[in-house]
Amino acid sequence: MTPVFRPTFHVQLIGSTLDALLEALVRANVQWLLANGHRSLYQSGVRYRAESGEDWYTIPYVLERGEGDCEDLACWRAAELRVLGHHQAVAIAKLSPSVGARRLYHIVVSGDGISEDPSRMLGMR
């Protein structure tokens, strides 16, 4: 079974709902890292790639694909940082400028004095 999560929600439910979904993916990734050993996102060979849909992937599937989009990469990195002792590391959504009626979000890592954008570091323009 492919470890994928397809969140569907309305704009008015974003915020705390999105935060909870991101935290769930981070925690799943922490559990995978603890069970399978540390895997460094930045040394994995994985690259950023935008998706046409909105599928959320856990670490083993990102490794299998060799690519992930912003929530996949940020949730992996936040999990990695937690395993390394940065317990306050979180994946957070940042609101991008609106595109027509759509509101776009970009997921980054924050906490414990850390501010990272894994997507940019792995190839996003």
PDB file of N, CA and C in Angstrom:
ATOM      1  N   MET A   1       0.837  -1.176   0.000  1.00  0.00           N
ATOM      2  CA  MET A   1       0.000   0.000   0.000  1.00  0.00           C
ATOM      3  C   MET A   1       0.885   1.244   0.000  1.00  0.00           C
ATOM      4  N   THR A   2       0.596   2.171  -0.855  1.00  0.00           N
ATOM      5  CA  THR A   2       1.361   3.405  -0.960  1.00  0.00           C
ATOM      6  C   THR A   2       1.046   4.307   0.230  1.00  0.00           C
ATOM      7  N   PRO A   3       2.083   4.765   0.968  1.00  0.00           N
ATOM      8  CA  PRO A   3       1.846   5.649   2.112  1.00  0.00           C
ATOM      9  C   PRO A   3       1.561   7.066   1.637  1.00  0.00           C
ATOM     10  N   VAL A   4       0.325   7.315   1.254  1.00  0.00           N
ATOM     11  CA  VAL A   4      -0.055   8.620   0.726  1.00  0.00           C
ATOM     12  C   VAL A   4      -1.312   9.094   1.437  1.00  0.00           C
ATOM     13  N   PHE A   5      -1.413  10.383   1.622  1.00  0.00           N
ATOM     14  CA  PHE A   5      -2.558  11.003   2.256  1.00  0.00           C
ATOM     15  C   PHE A   5      -3.051  12.075   1.302  1.00  0.00           C
ATOM     16  N   ARG A   6      -4.330  12.090   1.011  1.00  0.00           N
ATOM     17  CA  ARG A   6      -4.897  13.084   0.107  1.00  0.00           C
ATOM     18  C   ARG A   6      -5.840  13.994   0.884  1.00  0.00           C
ATOM     19  N   PRO A   7      -5.318  15.095   1.433  1.00  0.00           N
ATOM     20  CA  PRO A   7      -6.181  15.985   2.211  1.00  0.00           C
ATOM     21  C   PRO A   7      -7.090  16.798   1.302  1.00  0.00           C
ATOM     22  N   THR A   8      -8.342  16.865   1.663  1.00  0.00           N
ATOM     23  CA  THR A   8      -9.303  17.692   0.941  1.00  0.00           C
ATOM     24  C   THR A   8      -9.980  18.571   1.979  1.00  0.00           C
ATOM     25  N   PHE A   9      -9.888  19.870   1.784  1.00  0.00           N
ATOM     26  CA  PHE A   9     -10.497  20.778   2.743  1.00  0.00           C
ATOM     27  C   PHE A   9     -10.811  22.086   2.050  1.00  0.00           C
ATOM     28  N   HIS A  10     -11.709  22.842   2.647  1.00  0.00           N
ATOM     29  CA  HIS A  10     -12.118  24.128   2.108  1.00  0.00           C
ATOM     30  C   HIS A  10     -11.222  25.224   2.682  1.00  0.00           C
ATOM     31  N   VAL A  11     -11.130  26.318   1.962  1.00  0.00           N
ATOM     32  CA  VAL A  11     -10.259  27.419   2.378  1.00  0.00           C
ATOM     33  C   VAL A  11     -10.550  27.848   3.807  1.00  0.00           C
ATOM     34  N   GLN A  12     -11.831  27.909   4.211  1.00  0.00           N
ATOM     35  CA  GLN A  12     -12.151  28.378   5.553  1.00  0.00           C
ATOM     36  C   GLN A  12     -11.659  27.422   6.644  1.00  0.00           C
ATOM     37  N   LEU A  13     -11.326  26.177   6.277  1.00  0.00           N
ATOM     38  CA  LEU A  13     -10.842  25.214   7.255  1.00  0.00           C
ATOM     39  C   LEU A  13      -9.324  25.192   7.369  1.00  0.00           C
ATOM     40  N   ILE A  14      -8.659  25.959   6.530  1.00  0.00           N
ATOM     41  CA  ILE A  14      -7.203  25.984   6.580  1.00  0.00           C
ATOM     42  C   ILE A  14      -6.818  26.595   7.932  1.00  0.00           C
ATOM     43  N   GLY A  15      -5.625  26.815   8.224  1.00  0.00           N
ATOM     44  CA  GLY A  15      -5.208  27.321   9.525  1.00  0.00           C
ATOM     45  C   GLY A  15      -4.944  26.168  10.457  1.00  0.00           C
ATOM     46  N   SER A  16      -5.752  26.033  11.505  1.00  0.00           N
ATOM     47  CA  SER A  16      -5.503  24.988  12.495  1.00  0.00           C
ATOM     48  C   SER A  16      -5.659  23.600  11.895  1.00  0.00           C
ATOM     49  N   THR A  17      -6.554  23.433  10.931  1.00  0.00           N
ATOM     50  CA  THR A  17      -6.711  22.129  10.283  1.00  0.00           C
ATOM     51  C   THR A  17      -5.464  21.781   9.487  1.00  0.00           C
ATOM     52  N   LEU A  18      -4.951  22.720   8.734  1.00  0.00           N
ATOM     53  CA  LEU A  18      -3.734  22.485   7.962  1.00  0.00           C
ATOM     54  C   LEU A  18      -2.564  22.199   8.889  1.00  0.00           C
ATOM     55  N   ASP A  19      -2.464  22.935   9.980  1.00  0.00           N
ATOM     56  CA  ASP A  19      -1.395  22.697  10.961  1.00  0.00           C
ATOM     57  C   ASP A  19      -1.473  21.268  11.510  1.00  0.00           C
ATOM     58  N   ALA A  20      -2.677  20.808  11.810  1.00  0.00           N
ATOM     59  CA  ALA A  20      -2.854  19.450  12.347  1.00  0.00           C
ATOM     60  C   ALA A  20      -2.468  18.396  11.320  1.00  0.00           C
ATOM     61  N   LEU A  21      -2.809  18.613  10.065  1.00  0.00           N
ATOM     62  CA  LEU A  21      -2.449  17.657   9.019  1.00  0.00           C
ATOM     63  C   LEU A  21      -0.939  17.608   8.815  1.00  0.00           C
ATOM     64  N   LEU A  22      -0.290  18.759   8.828  1.00  0.00           N
ATOM     65  CA  LEU A  22       1.168  18.800   8.702  1.00  0.00           C
ATOM     66  C   LEU A  22       1.823  18.088   9.881  1.00  0.00           C
ATOM     67  N   GLU A  23       1.308  18.333  11.078  1.00  0.00           N
ATOM     68  CA  GLU A  23       1.870  17.690  12.275  1.00  0.00           C
ATOM     69  C   GLU A  23       1.712  16.170  12.193  1.00  0.00           C
ATOM     70  N   ALA A  24       0.598  15.701  11.654  1.00  0.00           N
ATOM     71  CA  ALA A  24       0.400  14.255  11.515  1.00  0.00           C
ATOM     72  C   ALA A  24       1.448  13.650  10.588  1.00  0.00           C
ATOM     73  N   LEU A  25       1.762  14.329   9.484  1.00  0.00           N
ATOM     74  CA  LEU A  25       2.774  13.820   8.564  1.00  0.00           C
ATOM     75  C   LEU A  25       4.166  13.872   9.199  1.00  0.00           C
ATOM     76  N   VAL A  26       4.456  14.928   9.941  1.00  0.00           N
ATOM     77  CA  VAL A  26       5.747  15.012  10.645  1.00  0.00           C
ATOM     78  C   VAL A  26       5.869  13.846  11.625  1.00  0.00           C
ATOM     79  N   ARG A  27       4.841  13.588  12.406  1.00  0.00           N
ATOM     80  CA  ARG A  27       4.894  12.510  13.400  1.00  0.00           C
ATOM     81  C   ARG A  27       5.038  11.139  12.743  1.00  0.00           C
ATOM     82  N   ALA A  28       4.341  10.923  11.629  1.00  0.00           N
ATOM     83  CA  ALA A  28       4.505   9.652  10.912  1.00  0.00           C
ATOM     84  C   ALA A  28       5.944   9.499  10.448  1.00  0.00           C
ATOM     85  N   ASN A  29       6.548  10.587   9.981  1.00  0.00           N
ATOM     86  CA  ASN A  29       7.935  10.545   9.528  1.00  0.00           C
ATOM     87  C   ASN A  29       8.907  10.334  10.692  1.00  0.00           C
ATOM     88  N   VAL A  30       8.620  10.933  11.855  1.00  0.00           N
ATOM     89  CA  VAL A  30       9.462  10.701  13.039  1.00  0.00           C
ATOM     90  C   VAL A  30       9.459   9.214  13.362  1.00  0.00           C
ATOM     91  N   GLN A  31       8.288   8.609  13.386  1.00  0.00           N
ATOM     92  CA  GLN A  31       8.187   7.178  13.702  1.00  0.00           C
ATOM     93  C   GLN A  31       8.973   6.341  12.702  1.00  0.00           C
ATOM     94  N   TRP A  32       8.891   6.699  11.417  1.00  0.00           N
ATOM     95  CA  TRP A  32       9.629   5.955  10.391  1.00  0.00           C
ATOM     96  C   TRP A  32      11.135   6.106  10.608  1.00  0.00           C
ATOM     97  N   LEU A  33      11.593   7.318  10.898  1.00  0.00           N
ATOM     98  CA  LEU A  33      13.022   7.542  11.123  1.00  0.00           C
ATOM     99  C   LEU A  33      13.514   6.776  12.350  1.00  0.00           C
ATOM    100  N   LEU A  34      12.729   6.753  13.403  1.00  0.00           N
ATOM    101  CA  LEU A  34      13.130   6.026  14.607  1.00  0.00           C
ATOM    102  C   LEU A  34      13.196   4.521  14.353  1.00  0.00           C
ATOM    103  N   ALA A  35      12.307   4.022  13.517  1.00  0.00           N
ATOM    104  CA  ALA A  35      12.271   2.584  13.231  1.00  0.00           C
ATOM    105  C   ALA A  35      13.294   2.160  12.179  1.00  0.00           C
ATOM    106  N   ASN A  36      13.695   3.086  11.310  1.00  0.00           N
ATOM    107  CA  ASN A  36      14.539   2.723  10.164  1.00  0.00           C
ATOM    108  C   ASN A  36      15.887   3.418  10.129  1.00  0.00           C
ATOM    109  N   GLY A  37      16.192   4.184  11.140  1.00  0.00           N
ATOM    110  CA  GLY A  37      17.471   4.889  11.164  1.00  0.00           C
ATOM    111  C   GLY A  37      17.376   6.248  10.502  1.00  0.00           C
ATOM    112  N   HIS A  38      18.266   7.118  10.913  1.00  0.00           N
ATOM    113  CA  HIS A  38      18.269   8.489  10.398  1.00  0.00           C
ATOM    114  C   HIS A  38      18.544   8.516   8.908  1.00  0.00           C
ATOM    115  N   ARG A  39      17.763   9.263   8.193  1.00  0.00           N
ATOM    116  CA  ARG A  39      17.983   9.513   6.767  1.00  0.00           C
ATOM    117  C   ARG A  39      17.991  11.022   6.574  1.00  0.00           C
ATOM    118  N   SER A  40      19.116  11.555   6.153  1.00  0.00           N
ATOM    119  CA  SER A  40      19.230  12.987   5.928  1.00  0.00           C
ATOM    120  C   SER A  40      18.526  13.366   4.626  1.00  0.00           C
ATOM    121  N   LEU A  41      17.582  14.269   4.722  1.00  0.00           N
ATOM    122  CA  LEU A  41      16.887  14.749   3.525  1.00  0.00           C
ATOM    123  C   LEU A  41      17.881  15.313   2.522  1.00  0.00           C
ATOM    124  N   TYR A  42      18.783  16.163   3.002  1.00  0.00           N
ATOM    125  CA  TYR A  42      19.681  16.864   2.093  1.00  0.00           C
ATOM    126  C   TYR A  42      20.760  15.965   1.493  1.00  0.00           C
ATOM    127  N   GLN A  43      20.989  14.802   2.063  1.00  0.00           N
ATOM    128  CA  GLN A  43      21.969  13.868   1.512  1.00  0.00           C
ATOM    129  C   GLN A  43      21.301  12.680   0.815  1.00  0.00           C
ATOM    130  N   SER A  44      19.984  12.707   0.697  1.00  0.00           N
ATOM    131  CA  SER A  44      19.228  11.571   0.167  1.00  0.00           C
ATOM    132  C   SER A  44      19.218  11.490  -1.356  1.00  0.00           C
ATOM    133  N   GLY A  45      19.527  12.599  -2.017  1.00  0.00           N
ATOM    134  CA  GLY A  45      19.419  12.632  -3.474  1.00  0.00           C
ATOM    135  C   GLY A  45      18.037  13.035  -3.954  1.00  0.00           C
ATOM    136  N   VAL A  46      17.104  13.221  -3.033  1.00  0.00           N
ATOM    137  CA  VAL A  46      15.738  13.640  -3.366  1.00  0.00           C
ATOM    138  C   VAL A  46      15.767  15.085  -3.852  1.00  0.00           C
ATOM    139  N   ARG A  47      14.917  15.387  -4.816  1.00  0.00           N
ATOM    140  CA  ARG A  47      14.810  16.743  -5.365  1.00  0.00           C
ATOM    141  C   ARG A  47      13.380  17.255  -5.208  1.00  0.00           C
ATOM    142  N   TYR A  48      13.223  18.562  -5.278  1.00  0.00           N
ATOM    143  CA  TYR A  48      11.893  19.178  -5.263  1.00  0.00           C
ATOM    144  C   TYR A  48      11.243  18.999  -6.628  1.00  0.00           C
ATOM    145  N   ARG A  49       9.954  18.694  -6.599  1.00  0.00           N
ATOM    146  CA  ARG A  49       9.170  18.693  -7.833  1.00  0.00           C
ATOM    147  C   ARG A  49       7.726  19.010  -7.468  1.00  0.00           C
ATOM    148  N   ALA A  50       7.171  20.012  -8.130  1.00  0.00           N
ATOM    149  CA  ALA A  50       5.773  20.383  -7.894  1.00  0.00           C
ATOM    150  C   ALA A  50       4.867  19.250  -8.376  1.00  0.00           C
ATOM    151  N   GLU A  51       3.761  19.075  -7.675  1.00  0.00           N
ATOM    152  CA  GLU A  51       2.782  18.059  -8.061  1.00  0.00           C
ATOM    153  C   GLU A  51       1.591  18.739  -8.707  1.00  0.00           C
ATOM    154  N   SER A  52       0.934  18.023  -9.593  1.00  0.00           N
ATOM    155  CA  SER A  52      -0.288  18.557 -10.192  1.00  0.00           C
ATOM    156  C   SER A  52      -1.468  18.367  -9.243  1.00  0.00           C
ATOM    157  N   GLY A  53      -1.407  17.341  -8.391  1.00  0.00           N
ATOM    158  CA  GLY A  53      -2.458  17.090  -7.408  1.00  0.00           C
ATOM    159  C   GLY A  53      -1.980  17.491  -6.033  1.00  0.00           C
ATOM    160  N   GLU A  54      -2.649  17.002  -5.030  1.00  0.00           N
ATOM    161  CA  GLU A  54      -2.246  17.323  -3.664  1.00  0.00           C
ATOM    162  C   GLU A  54      -2.153  16.043  -2.842  1.00  0.00           C
ATOM    163  N   ASP A  55      -1.160  15.226  -3.182  1.00  0.00           N
ATOM    164  CA  ASP A  55      -0.884  14.010  -2.435  1.00  0.00           C
ATOM    165  C   ASP A  55       0.245  14.290  -1.453  1.00  0.00           C
ATOM    166  N   TRP A  56       0.123  13.758  -0.249  1.00  0.00           N
ATOM    167  CA  TRP A  56       1.134  13.954   0.783  1.00  0.00           C
ATOM    168  C   TRP A  56       1.818  12.624   1.017  1.00  0.00           C
ATOM    169  N   TYR A  57       3.144  12.587   0.897  1.00  0.00           N
ATOM    170  CA  TYR A  57       3.898  11.342   0.957  1.00  0.00           C
ATOM    171  C   TYR A  57       4.808  11.265   2.176  1.00  0.00           C
ATOM    172  N   THR A  58       4.910  10.061   2.744  1.00  0.00           N
ATOM    173  CA  THR A  58       5.836   9.791   3.837  1.00  0.00           C
ATOM    174  C   THR A  58       7.230   9.545   3.260  1.00  0.00           C
ATOM    175  N   ILE A  59       8.226   9.523   4.131  1.00  0.00           N
ATOM    176  CA  ILE A  59       9.625   9.397   3.720  1.00  0.00           C
ATOM    177  C   ILE A  59       9.890   8.225   2.775  1.00  0.00           C
ATOM    178  N   PRO A  60       9.438   6.995   3.072  1.00  0.00           N
ATOM    179  CA  PRO A  60       9.809   5.898   2.174  1.00  0.00           C
ATOM    180  C   PRO A  60       9.300   6.088   0.743  1.00  0.00           C
ATOM    181  N   TYR A  61       8.137   6.696   0.601  1.00  0.00           N
ATOM    182  CA  TYR A  61       7.621   6.909  -0.749  1.00  0.00           C
ATOM    183  C   TYR A  61       8.353   8.053  -1.447  1.00  0.00           C
ATOM    184  N   VAL A  62       8.732   9.094  -0.699  1.00  0.00           N
ATOM    185  CA  VAL A  62       9.530  10.178  -1.292  1.00  0.00           C
ATOM    186  C   VAL A  62      10.867   9.607  -1.771  1.00  0.00           C
ATOM    187  N   LEU A  63      11.469   8.744  -0.969  1.00  0.00           N
ATOM    188  CA  LEU A  63      12.720   8.095  -1.378  1.00  0.00           C
ATOM    189  C   LEU A  63      12.527   7.262  -2.644  1.00  0.00           C
ATOM    190  N   GLU A  64      11.439   6.517  -2.685  1.00  0.00           N
ATOM    191  CA  GLU A  64      11.155   5.677  -3.854  1.00  0.00           C
ATOM    192  C   GLU A  64      10.971   6.520  -5.111  1.00  0.00           C
ATOM    193  N   ARG A  65      10.269   7.632  -4.977  1.00  0.00           N
ATOM    194  CA  ARG A  65      10.012   8.515  -6.122  1.00  0.00           C
ATOM    195  C   ARG A  65      11.237   9.348  -6.480  1.00  0.00           C
ATOM    196  N   GLY A  66      12.065   9.662  -5.466  1.00  0.00           N
ATOM    197  CA  GLY A  66      13.223  10.513  -5.692  1.00  0.00           C
ATOM    198  C   GLY A  66      12.883  11.987  -5.744  1.00  0.00           C
ATOM    199  N   GLU A  67      11.654  12.311  -5.359  1.00  0.00           N
ATOM    200  CA  GLU A  67      11.201  13.704  -5.419  1.00  0.00           C
ATOM    201  C   GLU A  67      10.014  13.903  -4.487  1.00  0.00           C
ATOM    202  N   GLY A  68       9.790  15.163  -4.137  1.00  0.00           N
ATOM    203  CA  GLY A  68       8.649  15.520  -3.314  1.00  0.00           C
ATOM    204  C   GLY A  68       8.339  16.987  -3.487  1.00  0.00           C
ATOM    205  N   ASP A  69       7.150  17.380  -3.062  1.00  0.00           N
ATOM    206  CA  ASP A  69       6.833  18.803  -3.119  1.00  0.00           C
ATOM    207  C   ASP A  69       6.974  19.405  -1.719  1.00  0.00           C
ATOM    208  N   CYS A  70       6.520  20.623  -1.541  1.00  0.00           N
ATOM    209  CA  CYS A  70       6.887  21.362  -0.328  1.00  0.00           C
ATOM    210  C   CYS A  70       6.454  20.691   0.967  1.00  0.00           C
ATOM    211  N   GLU A  71       5.230  20.134   1.043  1.00  0.00           N
ATOM    212  CA  GLU A  71       4.839  19.523   2.319  1.00  0.00           C
ATOM    213  C   GLU A  71       5.582  18.223   2.573  1.00  0.00           C
ATOM    214  N   ASP A  72       5.857  17.462   1.514  1.00  0.00           N
ATOM    215  CA  ASP A  72       6.619  16.219   1.683  1.00  0.00           C
ATOM    216  C   ASP A  72       8.010  16.507   2.243  1.00  0.00           C
ATOM    217  N   LEU A  73       8.685  17.478   1.661  1.00  0.00           N
ATOM    218  CA  LEU A  73      10.063  17.792   2.043  1.00  0.00           C
ATOM    219  C   LEU A  73      10.133  18.477   3.406  1.00  0.00           C
ATOM    220  N   ALA A  74       9.238  19.426   3.658  1.00  0.00           N
ATOM    221  CA  ALA A  74       9.261  20.137   4.942  1.00  0.00           C
ATOM    222  C   ALA A  74       8.900  19.200   6.090  1.00  0.00           C
ATOM    223  N   CYS A  75       7.957  18.308   5.877  1.00  0.00           N
ATOM    224  CA  CYS A  75       7.580  17.375   6.950  1.00  0.00           C
ATOM    225  C   CYS A  75       8.691  16.366   7.203  1.00  0.00           C
ATOM    226  N   TRP A  76       9.405  15.949   6.174  1.00  0.00           N
ATOM    227  CA  TRP A  76      10.567  15.074   6.370  1.00  0.00           C
ATOM    228  C   TRP A  76      11.624  15.811   7.180  1.00  0.00           C
ATOM    229  N   ARG A  77      11.938  17.045   6.765  1.00  0.00           N
ATOM    230  CA  ARG A  77      13.002  17.793   7.437  1.00  0.00           C
ATOM    231  C   ARG A  77      12.640  18.096   8.888  1.00  0.00           C
ATOM    232  N   ALA A  78      11.400  18.473   9.154  1.00  0.00           N
ATOM    233  CA  ALA A  78      10.986  18.731  10.534  1.00  0.00           C
ATOM    234  C   ALA A  78      11.119  17.462  11.377  1.00  0.00           C
ATOM    235  N   ALA A  79      10.748  16.319  10.821  1.00  0.00           N
ATOM    236  CA  ALA A  79      10.888  15.038  11.530  1.00  0.00           C
ATOM    237  C   ALA A  79      12.358  14.734  11.789  1.00  0.00           C
ATOM    238  N   GLU A  80      13.182  14.942  10.784  1.00  0.00           N
ATOM    239  CA  GLU A  80      14.623  14.701  10.925  1.00  0.00           C
ATOM    240  C   GLU A  80      15.201  15.565  12.042  1.00  0.00           C
ATOM    241  N   LEU A  81      14.832  16.836  12.062  1.00  0.00           N
ATOM    242  CA  LEU A  81      15.333  17.741  13.093  1.00  0.00           C
ATOM    243  C   LEU A  81      14.875  17.311  14.486  1.00  0.00           C
ATOM    244  N   ARG A  82      13.637  16.844  14.601  1.00  0.00           N
ATOM    245  CA  ARG A  82      13.151  16.367  15.902  1.00  0.00           C
ATOM    246  C   ARG A  82      13.965  15.167  16.374  1.00  0.00           C
ATOM    247  N   VAL A  83      14.240  14.244  15.478  1.00  0.00           N
ATOM    248  CA  VAL A  83      15.029  13.061  15.835  1.00  0.00           C
ATOM    249  C   VAL A  83      16.433  13.478  16.270  1.00  0.00           C
ATOM    250  N   LEU A  84      16.938  14.571  15.704  1.00  0.00           N
ATOM    251  CA  LEU A  84      18.265  15.070  16.064  1.00  0.00           C
ATOM    252  C   LEU A  84      18.260  15.944  17.317  1.00  0.00           C
ATOM    253  N   GLY A  85      17.077  16.109  17.947  1.00  0.00           N
ATOM    254  CA  GLY A  85      17.006  16.846  19.200  1.00  0.00           C
ATOM    255  C   GLY A  85      16.379  18.222  19.132  1.00  0.00           C
ATOM    256  N   HIS A  86      15.997  18.670  17.974  1.00  0.00           N
ATOM    257  CA  HIS A  86      15.327  19.968  17.826  1.00  0.00           C
ATOM    258  C   HIS A  86      13.821  19.735  17.941  1.00  0.00           C
ATOM    259  N   HIS A  87      13.359  19.542  19.174  1.00  0.00           N
ATOM    260  CA  HIS A  87      12.002  19.076  19.430  1.00  0.00           C
ATOM    261  C   HIS A  87      10.912  20.073  19.047  1.00  0.00           C
ATOM    262  N   GLN A  88      11.260  21.328  18.850  1.00  0.00           N
ATOM    263  CA  GLN A  88      10.265  22.337  18.493  1.00  0.00           C
ATOM    264  C   GLN A  88      10.153  22.541  16.979  1.00  0.00           C
ATOM    265  N   ALA A  89      10.890  21.780  16.199  1.00  0.00           N
ATOM    266  CA  ALA A  89      10.834  21.929  14.738  1.00  0.00           C
ATOM    267  C   ALA A  89       9.448  21.535  14.231  1.00  0.00           C
ATOM    268  N   VAL A  90       8.877  22.381  13.394  1.00  0.00           N
ATOM    269  CA  VAL A  90       7.553  22.130  12.822  1.00  0.00           C
ATOM    270  C   VAL A  90       7.543  22.503  11.343  1.00  0.00           C
ATOM    271  N   ALA A  91       6.627  21.881  10.631  1.00  0.00           N
ATOM    272  CA  ALA A  91       6.341  22.287   9.257  1.00  0.00           C
ATOM    273  C   ALA A  91       5.190  23.284   9.340  1.00  0.00           C
ATOM    274  N   ILE A  92       5.378  24.449   8.752  1.00  0.00           N
ATOM    275  CA  ILE A  92       4.341  25.478   8.812  1.00  0.00           C
ATOM    276  C   ILE A  92       3.966  25.948   7.412  1.00  0.00           C
ATOM    277  N   ALA A  93       2.732  26.394   7.294  1.00  0.00           N
ATOM    278  CA  ALA A  93       2.228  26.916   6.020  1.00  0.00           C
ATOM    279  C   ALA A  93       2.387  28.429   6.003  1.00  0.00           C
ATOM    280  N   LYS A  94       2.926  28.906   4.895  1.00  0.00           N
ATOM    281  CA  LYS A  94       3.023  30.351   4.674  1.00  0.00           C
ATOM    282  C   LYS A  94       2.113  30.683   3.503  1.00  0.00           C
ATOM    283  N   LEU A  95       1.311  31.707   3.672  1.00  0.00           N
ATOM    284  CA  LEU A  95       0.389  32.126   2.628  1.00  0.00           C
ATOM    285  C   LEU A  95       1.154  32.849   1.532  1.00  0.00           C
ATOM    286  N   SER A  96       0.965  32.385   0.307  1.00  0.00           N
ATOM    287  CA  SER A  96       1.565  33.038  -0.853  1.00  0.00           C
ATOM    288  C   SER A  96       0.561  34.049  -1.393  1.00  0.00           C
ATOM    289  N   PRO A  97       0.999  34.958  -2.253  1.00  0.00           N
ATOM    290  CA  PRO A  97       0.044  35.895  -2.844  1.00  0.00           C
ATOM    291  C   PRO A  97      -1.073  35.139  -3.554  1.00  0.00           C
ATOM    292  N   SER A  98      -2.278  35.683  -3.493  1.00  0.00           N
ATOM    293  CA  SER A  98      -3.428  35.047  -4.130  1.00  0.00           C
ATOM    294  C   SER A  98      -3.257  34.997  -5.639  1.00  0.00           C
ATOM    295  N   VAL A  99      -3.759  33.912  -6.216  1.00  0.00           N
ATOM    296  CA  VAL A  99      -3.770  33.752  -7.661  1.00  0.00           C
ATOM    297  C   VAL A  99      -5.238  33.639  -8.046  1.00  0.00           C
ATOM    298  N   GLY A 100      -5.807  34.738  -8.520  1.00  0.00           N
ATOM    299  CA  GLY A 100      -7.236  34.743  -8.799  1.00  0.00           C
ATOM    300  C   GLY A 100      -7.993  34.536  -7.493  1.00  0.00           C
ATOM    301  N   ALA A 101      -8.935  33.592  -7.487  1.00  0.00           N
ATOM    302  CA  ALA A 101      -9.715  33.294  -6.290  1.00  0.00           C
ATOM    303  C   ALA A 101      -9.005  32.290  -5.389  1.00  0.00           C
ATOM    304  N   ARG A 102      -7.910  31.712  -5.864  1.00  0.00           N
ATOM    305  CA  ARG A 102      -7.190  30.694  -5.087  1.00  0.00           C
ATOM    306  C   ARG A 102      -6.182  31.324  -4.149  1.00  0.00           C
ATOM    307  N   ARG A 103      -6.038  30.709  -2.990  1.00  0.00           N
ATOM    308  CA  ARG A 103      -4.992  31.096  -2.056  1.00  0.00           C
ATOM    309  C   ARG A 103      -3.987  29.960  -2.040  1.00  0.00           C
ATOM    310  N   LEU A 104      -2.750  30.275  -2.250  1.00  0.00           N
ATOM    311  CA  LEU A 104      -1.711  29.259  -2.313  1.00  0.00           C
ATOM    312  C   LEU A 104      -0.874  29.286  -1.042  1.00  0.00           C
ATOM    313  N   TYR A 105      -0.477  28.102  -0.601  1.00  0.00           N
ATOM    314  CA  TYR A 105       0.335  27.965   0.593  1.00  0.00           C
ATOM    315  C   TYR A 105       1.637  27.279   0.236  1.00  0.00           C
ATOM    316  N   HIS A 106       2.680  27.658   0.924  1.00  0.00           N
ATOM    317  CA  HIS A 106       3.981  27.025   0.758  1.00  0.00           C
ATOM    318  C   HIS A 106       4.408  26.555   2.140  1.00  0.00           C
ATOM    319  N   ILE A 107       4.938  25.333   2.230  1.00  0.00           N
ATOM    320  CA  ILE A 107       5.274  24.742   3.513  1.00  0.00           C
ATOM    321  C   ILE A 107       6.781  24.816   3.741  1.00  0.00           C
ATOM    322  N   VAL A 108       7.165  25.323   4.910  1.00  0.00           N
ATOM    323  CA  VAL A 108       8.563  25.483   5.289  1.00  0.00           C
ATOM    324  C   VAL A 108       8.756  24.905   6.690  1.00  0.00           C
ATOM    325  N   VAL A 109       9.991  24.943   7.183  1.00  0.00           N
ATOM    326  CA  VAL A 109      10.320  24.425   8.516  1.00  0.00           C
ATOM    327  C   VAL A 109      10.705  25.588   9.418  1.00  0.00           C
ATOM    328  N   SER A 110      10.225  25.525  10.661  1.00  0.00           N
ATOM    329  CA  SER A 110      10.511  26.582  11.623  1.00  0.00           C
ATOM    330  C   SER A 110      10.619  25.969  13.020  1.00  0.00           C
ATOM    331  N   GLY A 111      11.199  26.728  13.948  1.00  0.00           N
ATOM    332  CA  GLY A 111      11.264  26.317  15.348  1.00  0.00           C
ATOM    333  C   GLY A 111      12.671  26.067  15.829  1.00  0.00           C
ATOM    334  N   ASP A 112      12.897  26.250  17.114  1.00  0.00           N
ATOM    335  CA  ASP A 112      14.219  26.073  17.725  1.00  0.00           C
ATOM    336  C   ASP A 112      15.264  26.951  17.039  1.00  0.00           C
ATOM    337  N   GLY A 113      14.873  28.149  16.626  1.00  0.00           N
ATOM    338  CA  GLY A 113      15.795  29.048  15.947  1.00  0.00           C
ATOM    339  C   GLY A 113      16.088  28.648  14.514  1.00  0.00           C
ATOM    340  N   ILE A 114      15.318  27.717  13.992  1.00  0.00           N
ATOM    341  CA  ILE A 114      15.519  27.209  12.624  1.00  0.00           C
ATOM    342  C   ILE A 114      14.486  27.820  11.699  1.00  0.00           C
ATOM    343  N   SER A 115      14.922  28.223  10.545  1.00  0.00           N
ATOM    344  CA  SER A 115      14.028  28.677   9.489  1.00  0.00           C
ATOM    345  C   SER A 115      14.603  28.160   8.180  1.00  0.00           C
ATOM    346  N   GLU A 116      13.951  27.143   7.609  1.00  0.00           N
ATOM    347  CA  GLU A 116      14.462  26.507   6.394  1.00  0.00           C
ATOM    348  C   GLU A 116      13.350  26.342   5.374  1.00  0.00           C
ATOM    349  N   ASP A 117      13.734  26.401   4.135  1.00  0.00           N
ATOM    350  CA  ASP A 117      12.835  26.089   3.034  1.00  0.00           C
ATOM    351  C   ASP A 117      13.461  24.940   2.247  1.00  0.00           C
ATOM    352  N   PRO A 118      13.177  23.691   2.639  1.00  0.00           N
ATOM    353  CA  PRO A 118      13.781  22.554   1.954  1.00  0.00           C
ATOM    354  C   PRO A 118      13.500  22.521   0.454  1.00  0.00           C
ATOM    355  N   SER A 119      12.343  22.998   0.045  1.00  0.00           N
ATOM    356  CA  SER A 119      12.014  22.998  -1.384  1.00  0.00           C
ATOM    357  C   SER A 119      12.998  23.848  -2.175  1.00  0.00           C
ATOM    358  N   ARG A 120      13.281  25.033  -1.675  1.00  0.00           N
ATOM    359  CA  ARG A 120      14.245  25.906  -2.360  1.00  0.00           C
ATOM    360  C   ARG A 120      15.639  25.290  -2.355  1.00  0.00           C
ATOM    361  N   MET A 121      15.994  24.647  -1.248  1.00  0.00           N
ATOM    362  CA  MET A 121      17.321  24.046  -1.153  1.00  0.00           C
ATOM    363  C   MET A 121      17.466  22.831  -2.076  1.00  0.00           C
ATOM    364  N   LEU A 122      16.317  22.256  -2.463  1.00  0.00           N
ATOM    365  CA  LEU A 122      16.363  21.046  -3.300  1.00  0.00           C
ATOM    366  C   LEU A 122      15.807  21.274  -4.699  1.00  0.00           C
ATOM    367  N   GLY A 123      15.861  22.522  -5.168  1.00  0.00           N
ATOM    368  CA  GLY A 123      15.591  22.761  -6.571  1.00  0.00           C
ATOM    369  C   GLY A 123      14.407  23.626  -6.944  1.00  0.00           C
ATOM    370  N   MET A 124      13.584  24.067  -5.999  1.00  0.00           N
ATOM    371  CA  MET A 124      12.459  24.920  -6.371  1.00  0.00           C
ATOM    372  C   MET A 124      12.976  26.298  -6.754  1.00  0.00           C
ATOM    373  N   ARG A 125      12.444  26.827  -7.820  1.00  0.00           N
ATOM    374  CA  ARG A 125      12.866  28.170  -8.256  1.00  0.00           C
ATOM    375  C   ARG A 125      12.094  29.239  -7.542  1.00  0.00           C
TER     376      ARG A 125
END
